[in-house]
Amino acid sequence: MPLLFIAKKDDLKLVLSQILVLIIFSTLVMILLYINKGTNEHVLNICQSLGNYTPSKCEWWGPIAALNKDLLENLDNKPLNFFYLSASYKTWLGFLFYIFFSFLPLIFFLKLVKINKKDFIIKKLFIYLFCILVFIVTLPLFHIAEDWSRWFSIHFHLSVYVLIFLYYMNFITLKKDLLFNKINSYLLKKKIAFIFFLLLYSTFFHHSHFFFKDVKLEITYYKIYNKIVEKF
C-alpha cells in the first residue's frame, strides 16, 4: 500500500510489477511450506531439541505445533465446519460492535485529512478502497482460523502505521476546519482529561482473541472487578 500511495504515475507499471512478483513468490513459498509442513513426530523432535528454550505448550499450541495441523481443523484436530455459523446473534453483534468501536477513531481521522499532492496516483477515496481490498485479501484467514480479534488487531495497527507513514511523507495533511480547530484548542487546554479519555476509550471493552460460540464482548473493568472478587 505505501508504494502505491507515494508512486508517481510514471512509475505505476514498475510498482505493479514489483507487487505482482511479491504476491506470486509469497504464494509459491506458502504452498511449498504447507506441502512439506511435517507431522506430529517433527513437532515433538523440534520441541525436545529446544531444551530449556522450549516455548510454553510447544507440542500443541503455537507455530511449531501448527506444523502437524491441517487446514480447517482446530486444536483438537476436529473440522471447523463453518464454526462461526454456530455463534449466537449476541456473539456476532458484540464482535461487530467491538470492531466498529476500534476503527471509529481512524474513520474520524480520515474525515479530517486531505490529500496534499495532486500528482500522485491515489486519491482520498482510494485510501478507503485499499483498506477494504487488503481486508478482502485476508478473508480466508477468518474461515480457516478462529483468531478473529487478532487478525483485526493486525489490520488496525497496519492501517495506523500506513496513515503515520502518509502523514510523515506529507502525503496527507489535516484540514483547516474551524470546528476541528476549536475542538483541538479545547483538548490542548484539557490535556490530562483528554489523556484519561484516550486511556479509558482504548481499554473500555475486552474481547477474546478468538471468535467462537458463546464468546461475548465484555467491559474490561467489570471483568477485572469480578476477578478480584473471586480471589476474595
Protein backbone atom coordinates (compact mmCIF):
# COMPACT_ATOMS: atom_id res chain seq x y z
CA MET A 1 0.00 0.00 0.00
CA PRO A 2 2.63 2.63 0.84
CA LEU A 3 4.30 2.03 -2.53
CA LEU A 4 1.06 2.67 -4.36
CA PHE A 5 0.37 5.81 -2.36
CA ILE A 6 3.70 7.50 -2.98
CA ALA A 7 4.34 6.21 -6.52
CA LYS A 8 4.21 8.74 -9.33
CA LYS A 9 2.10 7.95 -12.38
CA ASP A 10 5.20 7.26 -14.48
CA ASP A 11 6.30 4.56 -12.02
CA LEU A 12 2.96 2.77 -11.83
CA LYS A 13 3.95 -0.14 -14.09
CA LEU A 14 7.17 -0.75 -12.15
CA VAL A 15 5.37 -0.71 -8.80
CA LEU A 16 2.62 -3.04 -10.01
CA SER A 17 5.19 -5.47 -11.42
CA GLN A 18 7.04 -5.49 -8.08
CA ILE A 19 3.81 -6.18 -6.19
CA LEU A 20 2.87 -8.96 -8.64
CA VAL A 21 6.26 -10.65 -8.27
CA LEU A 22 5.99 -10.41 -4.47
CA ILE A 23 2.49 -11.96 -4.44
CA ILE A 24 3.46 -14.82 -6.77
CA PHE A 25 6.68 -15.59 -4.89
CA SER A 26 4.96 -15.43 -1.48
CA THR A 27 2.14 -17.70 -2.66
CA LEU A 28 4.57 -20.29 -4.02
CA VAL A 29 6.55 -20.26 -0.77
CA MET A 30 3.38 -20.72 1.30
CA ILE A 31 2.25 -23.64 -0.87
CA LEU A 32 5.70 -25.22 -0.61
CA LEU A 33 5.74 -24.81 3.17
CA TYR A 34 2.26 -26.27 3.57
CA ILE A 35 3.01 -29.33 1.41
CA ASN A 36 6.14 -30.01 3.46
CA LYS A 37 4.82 -28.83 6.81
CA GLY A 38 5.63 -32.00 8.74
CA THR A 39 3.95 -34.39 11.17
CA ASN A 40 3.44 -34.78 14.91
CA GLU A 41 6.81 -36.54 15.08
CA HIS A 42 8.51 -33.46 13.64
CA VAL A 43 6.78 -31.27 16.23
CA LEU A 44 7.94 -33.49 19.12
CA ASN A 45 11.51 -33.61 17.82
CA ILE A 46 11.70 -29.83 17.44
CA CYS A 47 10.22 -29.17 20.90
CA GLN A 48 12.58 -31.67 22.56
CA SER A 49 15.60 -30.28 20.73
CA LEU A 50 14.99 -26.79 22.14
CA GLY A 51 15.70 -27.96 25.68
CA ASN A 52 15.40 -25.14 28.22
CA TYR A 53 14.26 -22.79 25.45
CA THR A 54 11.15 -24.78 24.61
CA PRO A 55 8.12 -22.45 24.35
CA SER A 56 5.18 -22.99 26.68
CA LYS A 57 2.64 -25.50 25.30
CA CYS A 58 5.05 -26.18 22.44
CA GLU A 59 3.60 -29.57 21.47
CA TRP A 60 0.00 -28.43 20.97
CA TRP A 61 -0.03 -24.63 20.68
CA GLY A 62 1.81 -22.06 18.59
CA PRO A 63 3.73 -22.02 15.30
CA ILE A 64 5.71 -25.20 15.98
CA ALA A 65 2.59 -27.20 16.86
CA ALA A 66 0.92 -25.84 13.71
CA LEU A 67 3.34 -27.90 11.63
CA ASN A 68 1.19 -31.01 12.13
CA LYS A 69 -2.17 -29.25 11.66
CA ASP A 70 -4.33 -29.39 8.58
CA LEU A 71 -6.36 -26.51 7.28
CA LEU A 72 -9.94 -26.28 8.54
CA GLU A 73 -9.08 -28.18 11.73
CA ASN A 74 -8.97 -26.78 15.25
CA LEU A 75 -6.50 -27.57 18.06
CA ASP A 76 -8.34 -30.84 18.77
CA ASN A 77 -7.89 -31.89 15.12
CA LYS A 78 -11.64 -31.59 14.60
CA PRO A 79 -13.14 -29.99 11.47
CA LEU A 80 -14.02 -26.33 11.85
CA ASN A 81 -17.07 -26.72 9.59
CA PHE A 82 -18.01 -23.03 9.41
CA PHE A 83 -17.55 -22.64 13.17
CA TYR A 84 -18.69 -19.01 13.05
CA LEU A 85 -22.20 -20.01 11.95
CA SER A 86 -22.82 -21.68 15.31
CA ALA A 87 -22.30 -18.40 17.18
CA SER A 88 -25.36 -16.64 18.59
CA TYR A 89 -26.54 -13.26 17.36
CA LYS A 90 -25.27 -11.73 20.65
CA THR A 91 -21.77 -13.01 19.87
CA TRP A 92 -21.95 -11.56 16.36
CA LEU A 93 -23.35 -8.20 17.48
CA GLY A 94 -20.78 -7.89 20.26
CA PHE A 95 -17.89 -8.64 17.94
CA LEU A 96 -19.10 -6.31 15.16
CA PHE A 97 -19.61 -3.51 17.68
CA TYR A 98 -16.11 -4.15 19.06
CA ILE A 99 -14.61 -3.77 15.56
CA PHE A 100 -16.65 -0.63 14.85
CA PHE A 101 -15.64 0.84 18.22
CA SER A 102 -11.98 0.08 17.47
CA PHE A 103 -11.92 1.61 13.99
CA LEU A 104 -14.09 4.64 14.81
CA PRO A 105 -11.09 6.91 15.64
CA LEU A 106 -9.49 6.02 12.29
CA ILE A 107 -12.72 6.83 10.48
CA PHE A 108 -12.87 10.23 12.20
CA PHE A 109 -9.22 10.84 11.37
CA LEU A 110 -9.76 10.12 7.67
CA LYS A 111 -12.64 12.61 7.68
CA LEU A 112 -10.23 15.30 8.84
CA VAL A 113 -7.42 14.74 6.34
CA LYS A 114 -6.89 15.84 2.77
CA ILE A 115 -4.58 14.67 0.00
CA ASN A 116 -1.68 17.08 -0.13
CA LYS A 117 -0.21 16.28 -3.54
CA LYS A 118 -2.12 16.23 -6.81
CA ASP A 119 0.43 14.35 -8.92
CA PHE A 120 0.05 11.08 -7.03
CA ILE A 121 -2.00 8.14 -8.30
CA ILE A 122 -4.10 7.63 -5.22
CA LYS A 123 -6.92 9.94 -4.18
CA LYS A 124 -8.62 10.07 -0.79
CA LEU A 125 -11.40 7.67 -1.84
CA PHE A 126 -8.78 5.07 -2.70
CA ILE A 127 -7.45 5.09 0.86
CA TYR A 128 -10.78 3.59 1.92
CA LEU A 129 -10.86 1.24 -1.08
CA PHE A 130 -7.38 -0.09 -0.44
CA CYS A 131 -8.13 -0.70 3.23
CA ILE A 132 -11.17 -2.72 2.14
CA LEU A 133 -9.15 -4.53 -0.54
CA VAL A 134 -6.42 -5.57 1.91
CA PHE A 135 -9.10 -6.86 4.26
CA ILE A 136 -10.73 -8.89 1.45
CA VAL A 137 -7.37 -10.47 0.61
CA THR A 138 -7.11 -11.79 4.17
CA LEU A 139 -10.69 -13.08 4.35
CA PRO A 140 -9.57 -16.76 4.06
CA LEU A 141 -7.93 -16.36 7.49
CA PHE A 142 -11.34 -15.79 9.04
CA HIS A 143 -12.59 -19.05 7.54
CA ILE A 144 -9.66 -21.30 8.45
CA ALA A 145 -8.73 -19.90 11.88
CA GLU A 146 -10.60 -18.65 14.93
CA ASP A 147 -8.30 -15.78 15.94
CA TRP A 148 -10.57 -13.10 14.52
CA SER A 149 -9.70 -10.39 17.04
CA ARG A 150 -6.02 -10.99 16.35
CA TRP A 151 -6.49 -10.56 12.59
CA PHE A 152 -8.46 -7.35 13.11
CA SER A 153 -5.78 -6.12 15.50
CA ILE A 154 -3.18 -6.64 12.78
CA HIS A 155 -5.37 -4.76 10.29
CA PHE A 156 -5.88 -1.92 12.74
CA HIS A 157 -2.20 -1.47 13.59
CA LEU A 158 -1.05 -1.71 9.98
CA SER A 159 -3.68 0.86 8.99
CA VAL A 160 -2.37 3.21 11.68
CA TYR A 161 1.23 2.69 10.53
CA VAL A 162 0.25 3.44 6.92
CA LEU A 163 -1.50 6.65 7.97
CA ILE A 164 1.52 7.70 10.05
CA PHE A 165 3.73 6.99 7.04
CA LEU A 166 1.49 9.05 4.73
CA TYR A 167 1.45 11.92 7.21
CA TYR A 168 5.23 11.76 7.65
CA MET A 169 5.68 11.82 3.85
CA ASN A 170 3.42 14.88 3.74
CA PHE A 171 1.03 12.96 1.51
CA ILE A 172 -1.89 13.80 3.78
CA THR A 173 -2.43 16.84 5.99
CA LEU A 174 -5.15 17.92 8.39
CA LYS A 175 -7.89 20.14 7.02
CA LYS A 176 -8.14 23.71 8.25
CA ASP A 177 -11.57 23.10 9.67
CA LEU A 178 -12.99 25.67 12.08
CA LEU A 179 -14.84 23.13 14.21
CA PHE A 180 -11.79 20.86 14.37
CA ASN A 181 -9.55 23.77 15.38
CA LYS A 182 -11.94 24.70 18.19
CA ILE A 183 -12.07 21.10 19.44
CA ASN A 184 -8.28 20.79 19.16
CA SER A 185 -7.71 24.01 21.10
CA TYR A 186 -10.11 22.87 23.82
CA LEU A 187 -8.41 19.46 24.14
CA LEU A 188 -4.98 21.09 24.38
CA LYS A 189 -6.24 23.04 27.38
CA LYS A 190 -7.62 19.84 28.94
CA LYS A 191 -4.63 17.57 28.30
CA ILE A 192 -4.94 15.43 31.41
CA ALA A 193 -8.68 14.88 30.88
CA PHE A 194 -8.08 14.05 27.21
CA ILE A 195 -5.29 11.57 28.01
CA PHE A 196 -7.57 9.93 30.58
CA PHE A 197 -10.34 9.72 27.97
CA LEU A 198 -7.97 8.09 25.45
CA LEU A 199 -6.85 5.56 28.05
CA LEU A 200 -10.45 4.80 29.01
CA TYR A 201 -11.59 4.55 25.39
CA SER A 202 -8.80 2.19 24.35
CA THR A 203 -9.29 -0.17 27.29
CA PHE A 204 -13.03 0.01 27.91
CA PHE A 205 -14.04 -3.18 26.10
CA HIS A 206 -12.47 -6.62 26.09
CA HIS A 207 -12.92 -9.39 23.55
CA SER A 208 -11.15 -12.73 23.41
CA HIS A 209 -8.57 -13.10 20.66
CA PHE A 210 -10.73 -15.78 19.03
CA PHE A 211 -14.28 -15.79 17.69
CA PHE A 212 -16.30 -18.79 18.75
CA LYS A 213 -19.64 -19.92 20.08
CA ASP A 214 -20.67 -18.18 23.33
CA VAL A 215 -17.71 -15.77 23.25
CA LYS A 216 -19.00 -12.35 24.24
CA LEU A 217 -17.91 -8.75 24.43
CA GLU A 218 -17.13 -7.64 27.98
CA ILE A 219 -16.47 -4.39 29.80
CA THR A 220 -12.82 -4.61 30.82
CA TYR A 221 -13.13 -3.02 34.25
CA TYR A 222 -16.17 -5.08 35.18
CA LYS A 223 -14.24 -8.20 34.19
CA ILE A 224 -11.29 -7.13 36.38
CA TYR A 225 -13.66 -6.37 39.26
CA ASN A 226 -15.21 -9.85 39.04
CA LYS A 227 -11.78 -11.49 39.06
CA ILE A 228 -10.77 -9.51 42.15
CA VAL A 229 -13.99 -10.51 43.89
CA GLU A 230 -13.38 -14.19 43.02
CA LYS A 231 -9.96 -14.02 44.69
CA PHE A 232 -11.51 -12.94 47.96
